[in-house]
Amino acid sequence: MKPNPNTAWNPARLDVRAFAQAGASVTADDPMGLFERLKDELHPESGAADLPGVHWQAHGALRAASGVGEPAVWLHLLAETVAPLTCQRCLGAVEAPLQVDRWFRFVADEATAAAEDNDCEEDLLPLEPRPSLYELLEDELLMALPLVPMHDACPVPVPMQSGDVAAADGPAEEQRPHPFAALSRLKK
């Protein structure tokens, strides 16, 4: 079937089978604010006006299934953005590039996906209920977040001990009593 440029695909509730049969593609630039769960992970001082957009594409395809039967429905999802996250060293904002490049195979229902999941390497999703590309994209962006976002070199000096910053100079440290000093008296 030839792609029909006049077909409007609804990313919020995509008919993946028809999308793949048409060999269709969708490309969009959406504001990061559209993805609420992702927005919750961003640096708290990141204003909505400062947030970059999310550039993404989805491509549908039919591929020959292993064995006899009709071709399998596939979806290729690509996305990229830069997320301002909280540096775990200095607690300032650090820009983390996020990229998604994933293929998904769609099967008839959730039971089929669960039955085949252990025997295949690709990600399986059910055709029904119709998936939201926005939710799928947000899931993938969340999984692309770095475990520990940090600057290569923080822009501000970072105190390397807890407590009072003035205590980092040293002499005040020696004047404080050892926290286990009382235990040594009990031992005698």
C-alpha atoms as a PDB file:
ATOM      1  CA  MET A   1       0.000   0.000   0.000  1.00  0.00           C
ATOM      2  CA  LYS A   2       1.391   3.423  -0.907  1.00  0.00           C
ATOM      3  CA  PRO A   3       1.722   6.065   1.780  1.00  0.00           C
ATOM      4  CA  ASN A   4      -1.095   8.571   1.649  1.00  0.00           C
ATOM      5  CA  PRO A   5       0.199  12.072   2.486  1.00  0.00           C
ATOM      6  CA  ASN A   6      -3.356  13.217   3.167  1.00  0.00           C
ATOM      7  CA  THR A   7      -3.820  10.795   6.073  1.00  0.00           C
ATOM      8  CA  ALA A   8      -3.638  12.522   9.431  1.00  0.00           C
ATOM      9  CA  TRP A   9      -2.260  10.197  12.089  1.00  0.00           C
ATOM     10  CA  ASN A  10      -3.278  10.748  15.692  1.00  0.00           C
ATOM     11  CA  PRO A  11      -0.175  10.218  17.895  1.00  0.00           C
ATOM     12  CA  ALA A  12      -2.348  10.232  21.030  1.00  0.00           C
ATOM     13  CA  ARG A  13      -4.190   7.079  19.862  1.00  0.00           C
ATOM     14  CA  LEU A  14      -2.359   5.586  16.902  1.00  0.00           C
ATOM     15  CA  ASP A  15      -3.768   2.815  14.727  1.00  0.00           C
ATOM     16  CA  VAL A  16      -0.363   1.124  14.501  1.00  0.00           C
ATOM     17  CA  ARG A  17      -1.469  -1.578  12.041  1.00  0.00           C
ATOM     18  CA  ALA A  18      -2.762   0.965   9.487  1.00  0.00           C
ATOM     19  CA  PHE A  19       0.270   3.172  10.165  1.00  0.00           C
ATOM     20  CA  ALA A  20       2.642   0.266   9.384  1.00  0.00           C
ATOM     21  CA  GLN A  21       0.612  -0.902   6.368  1.00  0.00           C
ATOM     22  CA  ALA A  22       0.849   2.610   4.921  1.00  0.00           C
ATOM     23  CA  GLY A  23       4.583   2.750   5.660  1.00  0.00           C
ATOM     24  CA  ALA A  24       3.761   6.090   7.263  1.00  0.00           C
ATOM     25  CA  SER A  25       5.917   8.482   9.227  1.00  0.00           C
ATOM     26  CA  VAL A  26       5.188  11.225  11.722  1.00  0.00           C
ATOM     27  CA  THR A  27       7.684  13.934  12.670  1.00  0.00           C
ATOM     28  CA  ALA A  28       7.087  16.518  15.375  1.00  0.00           C
ATOM     29  CA  ASP A  29       8.735  19.073  17.624  1.00  0.00           C
ATOM     30  CA  ASP A  30       6.800  19.185  20.883  1.00  0.00           C
ATOM     31  CA  PRO A  31       7.440  21.255  24.011  1.00  0.00           C
ATOM     32  CA  MET A  32       9.019  19.343  26.889  1.00  0.00           C
ATOM     33  CA  GLY A  33       6.177  20.593  29.088  1.00  0.00           C
ATOM     34  CA  LEU A  34       3.890  18.146  27.256  1.00  0.00           C
ATOM     35  CA  PHE A  35       5.632  15.277  29.070  1.00  0.00           C
ATOM     36  CA  GLU A  36       4.623  15.705  32.737  1.00  0.00           C
ATOM     37  CA  ARG A  37       6.610  12.789  34.204  1.00  0.00           C
ATOM     38  CA  LEU A  38       9.752  13.915  32.386  1.00  0.00           C
ATOM     39  CA  LYS A  39       9.183  17.483  33.533  1.00  0.00           C
ATOM     40  CA  ASP A  40       9.127  16.236  37.158  1.00  0.00           C
ATOM     41  CA  GLU A  41      12.725  14.983  36.734  1.00  0.00           C
ATOM     42  CA  LEU A  42      14.110  18.333  35.555  1.00  0.00           C
ATOM     43  CA  HIS A  43      16.116  20.849  37.590  1.00  0.00           C
ATOM     44  CA  PRO A  44      13.659  22.801  39.777  1.00  0.00           C
ATOM     45  CA  GLU A  45      14.895  26.180  38.538  1.00  0.00           C
ATOM     46  CA  SER A  46      14.254  25.294  34.881  1.00  0.00           C
ATOM     47  CA  GLY A  47      11.510  27.612  33.721  1.00  0.00           C
ATOM     48  CA  ALA A  48       8.986  26.435  31.145  1.00  0.00           C
ATOM     49  CA  ALA A  49      10.181  29.116  28.731  1.00  0.00           C
ATOM     50  CA  ASP A  50      13.781  27.862  29.005  1.00  0.00           C
ATOM     51  CA  LEU A  51      13.002  24.226  28.258  1.00  0.00           C
ATOM     52  CA  PRO A  52      14.094  22.855  24.891  1.00  0.00           C
ATOM     53  CA  GLY A  53      11.649  21.017  22.700  1.00  0.00           C
ATOM     54  CA  VAL A  54      11.586  17.305  21.962  1.00  0.00           C
ATOM     55  CA  HIS A  55      12.216  16.457  18.305  1.00  0.00           C
ATOM     56  CA  TRP A  56      10.810  13.011  17.482  1.00  0.00           C
ATOM     57  CA  GLN A  57       9.881  10.746  14.580  1.00  0.00           C
ATOM     58  CA  ALA A  58       7.885   7.538  14.288  1.00  0.00           C
ATOM     59  CA  HIS A  59       8.013   5.222  11.280  1.00  0.00           C
ATOM     60  CA  GLY A  60       5.727   2.263  10.675  1.00  0.00           C
ATOM     61  CA  ALA A  61       6.768  -0.863   8.796  1.00  0.00           C
ATOM     62  CA  LEU A  62       5.603  -4.386   8.023  1.00  0.00           C
ATOM     63  CA  ARG A  63       8.261  -7.094   8.217  1.00  0.00           C
ATOM     64  CA  ALA A  64       8.023 -10.737   7.266  1.00  0.00           C
ATOM     65  CA  ALA A  65       7.201 -12.792  10.331  1.00  0.00           C
ATOM     66  CA  SER A  66       9.283 -15.801  11.289  1.00  0.00           C
ATOM     67  CA  GLY A  67       7.394 -18.744   9.843  1.00  0.00           C
ATOM     68  CA  VAL A  68       4.112 -18.625   7.970  1.00  0.00           C
ATOM     69  CA  GLY A  69       1.532 -15.926   8.470  1.00  0.00           C
ATOM     70  CA  GLU A  70       0.968 -12.288   7.891  1.00  0.00           C
ATOM     71  CA  PRO A  71       3.810  -9.790   8.283  1.00  0.00           C
ATOM     72  CA  ALA A  72       4.589  -8.369  11.727  1.00  0.00           C
ATOM     73  CA  VAL A  73       3.759  -4.761  12.591  1.00  0.00           C
ATOM     74  CA  TRP A  74       6.792  -2.686  13.612  1.00  0.00           C
ATOM     75  CA  LEU A  75       7.263   0.869  14.830  1.00  0.00           C
ATOM     76  CA  HIS A  76      10.590   2.721  14.848  1.00  0.00           C
ATOM     77  CA  LEU A  77      10.756   5.580  17.345  1.00  0.00           C
ATOM     78  CA  LEU A  78      13.497   8.231  17.218  1.00  0.00           C
ATOM     79  CA  ALA A  79      13.786  11.232  19.546  1.00  0.00           C
ATOM     80  CA  GLU A  80      16.288  13.720  20.840  1.00  0.00           C
ATOM     81  CA  THR A  81      16.329  16.580  23.308  1.00  0.00           C
ATOM     82  CA  VAL A  82      18.500  18.157  25.989  1.00  0.00           C
ATOM     83  CA  ALA A  83      17.150  17.920  29.533  1.00  0.00           C
ATOM     84  CA  PRO A  84      18.287  20.304  32.289  1.00  0.00           C
ATOM     85  CA  LEU A  85      18.800  17.920  35.220  1.00  0.00           C
ATOM     86  CA  THR A  86      20.195  18.420  38.736  1.00  0.00           C
ATOM     87  CA  CYS A  87      23.942  17.786  39.031  1.00  0.00           C
ATOM     88  CA  GLN A  88      24.439  15.348  41.884  1.00  0.00           C
ATOM     89  CA  ARG A  89      27.728  16.998  42.846  1.00  0.00           C
ATOM     90  CA  CYS A  90      26.995  20.764  42.893  1.00  0.00           C
ATOM     91  CA  LEU A  91      23.154  20.655  42.714  1.00  0.00           C
ATOM     92  CA  GLY A  92      23.179  23.108  39.801  1.00  0.00           C
ATOM     93  CA  ALA A  93      21.565  22.539  36.430  1.00  0.00           C
ATOM     94  CA  VAL A  94      23.434  20.262  34.020  1.00  0.00           C
ATOM     95  CA  GLU A  95      22.301  19.730  30.436  1.00  0.00           C
ATOM     96  CA  ALA A  96      21.965  16.042  29.602  1.00  0.00           C
ATOM     97  CA  PRO A  97      21.407  15.032  25.969  1.00  0.00           C
ATOM     98  CA  LEU A  98      18.699  12.370  25.654  1.00  0.00           C
ATOM     99  CA  GLN A  99      18.358  10.166  22.585  1.00  0.00           C
ATOM    100  CA  VAL A 100      15.921   7.409  21.727  1.00  0.00           C
ATOM    101  CA  ASP A 101      16.333   4.964  18.839  1.00  0.00           C
ATOM    102  CA  ARG A 102      14.037   1.970  19.457  1.00  0.00           C
ATOM    103  CA  TRP A 103      12.107  -0.586  17.440  1.00  0.00           C
ATOM    104  CA  PHE A 104       8.860  -2.091  18.766  1.00  0.00           C
ATOM    105  CA  ARG A 105       7.002  -5.114  17.429  1.00  0.00           C
ATOM    106  CA  PHE A 106       3.251  -5.119  17.889  1.00  0.00           C
ATOM    107  CA  VAL A 107       1.217  -8.254  18.576  1.00  0.00           C
ATOM    108  CA  ALA A 108      -2.530  -8.924  18.785  1.00  0.00           C
ATOM    109  CA  ASP A 109      -3.025  -8.477  22.525  1.00  0.00           C
ATOM    110  CA  GLU A 110      -1.421  -8.249  25.965  1.00  0.00           C
ATOM    111  CA  ALA A 111      -1.589 -12.031  26.504  1.00  0.00           C
ATOM    112  CA  THR A 112       0.362 -12.677  23.291  1.00  0.00           C
ATOM    113  CA  ALA A 113       2.932 -10.046  24.276  1.00  0.00           C
ATOM    114  CA  ALA A 114       3.384 -11.684  27.697  1.00  0.00           C
ATOM    115  CA  ALA A 115       3.664 -15.176  26.169  1.00  0.00           C
ATOM    116  CA  GLU A 116       6.285 -14.168  23.592  1.00  0.00           C
ATOM    117  CA  ASP A 117       8.238 -11.705  25.730  1.00  0.00           C
ATOM    118  CA  ASN A 118      10.730 -14.193  27.194  1.00  0.00           C
ATOM    119  CA  ASP A 119      11.555 -15.737  23.816  1.00  0.00           C
ATOM    120  CA  CYS A 120      12.410 -12.569  21.873  1.00  0.00           C
ATOM    121  CA  GLU A 121      14.887  -9.731  22.106  1.00  0.00           C
ATOM    122  CA  GLU A 122      12.687  -6.934  20.757  1.00  0.00           C
ATOM    123  CA  ASP A 123      10.171  -4.944  22.772  1.00  0.00           C
ATOM    124  CA  LEU A 124       6.617  -6.227  22.328  1.00  0.00           C
ATOM    125  CA  LEU A 125       3.496  -4.119  22.658  1.00  0.00           C
ATOM    126  CA  PRO A 126      -0.179  -4.933  22.059  1.00  0.00           C
ATOM    127  CA  LEU A 127      -2.066  -3.395  19.134  1.00  0.00           C
ATOM    128  CA  GLU A 128      -5.094  -2.783  21.347  1.00  0.00           C
ATOM    129  CA  PRO A 129      -5.757  -0.552  23.115  1.00  0.00           C
ATOM    130  CA  ARG A 130      -4.297   1.821  20.584  1.00  0.00           C
ATOM    131  CA  PRO A 131      -1.038   3.177  21.982  1.00  0.00           C
ATOM    132  CA  SER A 132      -0.231   6.803  22.625  1.00  0.00           C
ATOM    133  CA  LEU A 133       3.048   7.736  20.958  1.00  0.00           C
ATOM    134  CA  TYR A 134       3.390  10.507  23.538  1.00  0.00           C
ATOM    135  CA  GLU A 135       3.287   8.028  26.439  1.00  0.00           C
ATOM    136  CA  LEU A 136       5.619   5.608  24.666  1.00  0.00           C
ATOM    137  CA  LEU A 137       8.014   8.442  23.878  1.00  0.00           C
ATOM    138  CA  GLU A 138       7.925   9.728  27.451  1.00  0.00           C
ATOM    139  CA  ASP A 139       8.654   6.226  28.796  1.00  0.00           C
ATOM    140  CA  GLU A 140      11.675   5.945  26.513  1.00  0.00           C
ATOM    141  CA  LEU A 141      12.964   9.423  27.404  1.00  0.00           C
ATOM    142  CA  LEU A 142      12.676   8.601  31.106  1.00  0.00           C
ATOM    143  CA  MET A 143      14.673   5.416  30.567  1.00  0.00           C
ATOM    144  CA  ALA A 144      17.312   7.440  28.676  1.00  0.00           C
ATOM    145  CA  LEU A 145      17.944   9.702  31.694  1.00  0.00           C
ATOM    146  CA  PRO A 146      21.433   9.284  33.170  1.00  0.00           C
ATOM    147  CA  LEU A 147      21.494   7.466  36.510  1.00  0.00           C
ATOM    148  CA  VAL A 148      23.714  10.116  38.107  1.00  0.00           C
ATOM    149  CA  PRO A 149      23.702  13.403  36.183  1.00  0.00           C
ATOM    150  CA  MET A 150      26.874  15.417  36.820  1.00  0.00           C
ATOM    151  CA  HIS A 151      28.960  18.114  35.200  1.00  0.00           C
ATOM    152  CA  ASP A 152      32.361  16.993  33.917  1.00  0.00           C
ATOM    153  CA  ALA A 153      33.701  19.916  35.941  1.00  0.00           C
ATOM    154  CA  CYS A 154      31.204  21.782  38.127  1.00  0.00           C
ATOM    155  CA  PRO A 155      31.017  25.545  37.464  1.00  0.00           C
ATOM    156  CA  VAL A 156      31.102  26.326  41.221  1.00  0.00           C
ATOM    157  CA  PRO A 157      33.441  25.004  43.938  1.00  0.00           C
ATOM    158  CA  VAL A 158      31.915  22.038  45.704  1.00  0.00           C
ATOM    159  CA  PRO A 159      32.423  21.559  49.489  1.00  0.00           C
ATOM    160  CA  MET A 160      33.666  18.028  50.011  1.00  0.00           C
ATOM    161  CA  GLN A 161      32.322  17.474  53.528  1.00  0.00           C
ATOM    162  CA  SER A 162      28.935  17.764  55.102  1.00  0.00           C
ATOM    163  CA  GLY A 163      27.955  20.213  57.758  1.00  0.00           C
ATOM    164  CA  ASP A 164      29.024  23.819  58.047  1.00  0.00           C
ATOM    165  CA  VAL A 165      30.948  25.116  55.043  1.00  0.00           C
ATOM    166  CA  ALA A 166      33.263  27.009  57.436  1.00  0.00           C
ATOM    167  CA  ALA A 167      34.250  23.658  58.951  1.00  0.00           C
ATOM    168  CA  ALA A 168      35.970  22.769  55.677  1.00  0.00           C
ATOM    169  CA  ASP A 169      38.957  24.924  56.735  1.00  0.00           C
ATOM    170  CA  GLY A 170      40.107  22.336  59.250  1.00  0.00           C
ATOM    171  CA  PRO A 171      40.926  23.786  62.716  1.00  0.00           C
ATOM    172  CA  ALA A 172      37.317  23.824  63.880  1.00  0.00           C
ATOM    173  CA  GLU A 173      37.145  20.105  63.056  1.00  0.00           C
ATOM    174  CA  GLU A 174      39.805  19.281  65.650  1.00  0.00           C
ATOM    175  CA  GLN A 175      37.929  21.170  68.415  1.00  0.00           C
ATOM    176  CA  ARG A 176      34.724  19.178  68.112  1.00  0.00           C
ATOM    177  CA  PRO A 177      34.426  16.120  70.384  1.00  0.00           C
ATOM    178  CA  HIS A 178      34.511  12.756  68.715  1.00  0.00           C
ATOM    179  CA  PRO A 179      30.938  11.384  68.428  1.00  0.00           C
ATOM    180  CA  PHE A 180      31.890   8.067  70.061  1.00  0.00           C
ATOM    181  CA  ALA A 181      33.940   9.533  72.947  1.00  0.00           C
ATOM    182  CA  ALA A 182      31.170   8.707  75.435  1.00  0.00           C
ATOM    183  CA  LEU A 183      31.328   5.043  74.410  1.00  0.00           C
ATOM    184  CA  SER A 184      35.031   4.802  75.287  1.00  0.00           C
ATOM    185  CA  ARG A 185      34.221   5.874  78.860  1.00  0.00           C
ATOM    186  CA  LEU A 186      31.640   3.091  79.142  1.00  0.00           C
ATOM    187  CA  LYS A 187      34.194   0.543  78.008  1.00  0.00           C
ATOM    188  CA  LYS A 188      36.520   1.286  81.008  1.00  0.00           C
END
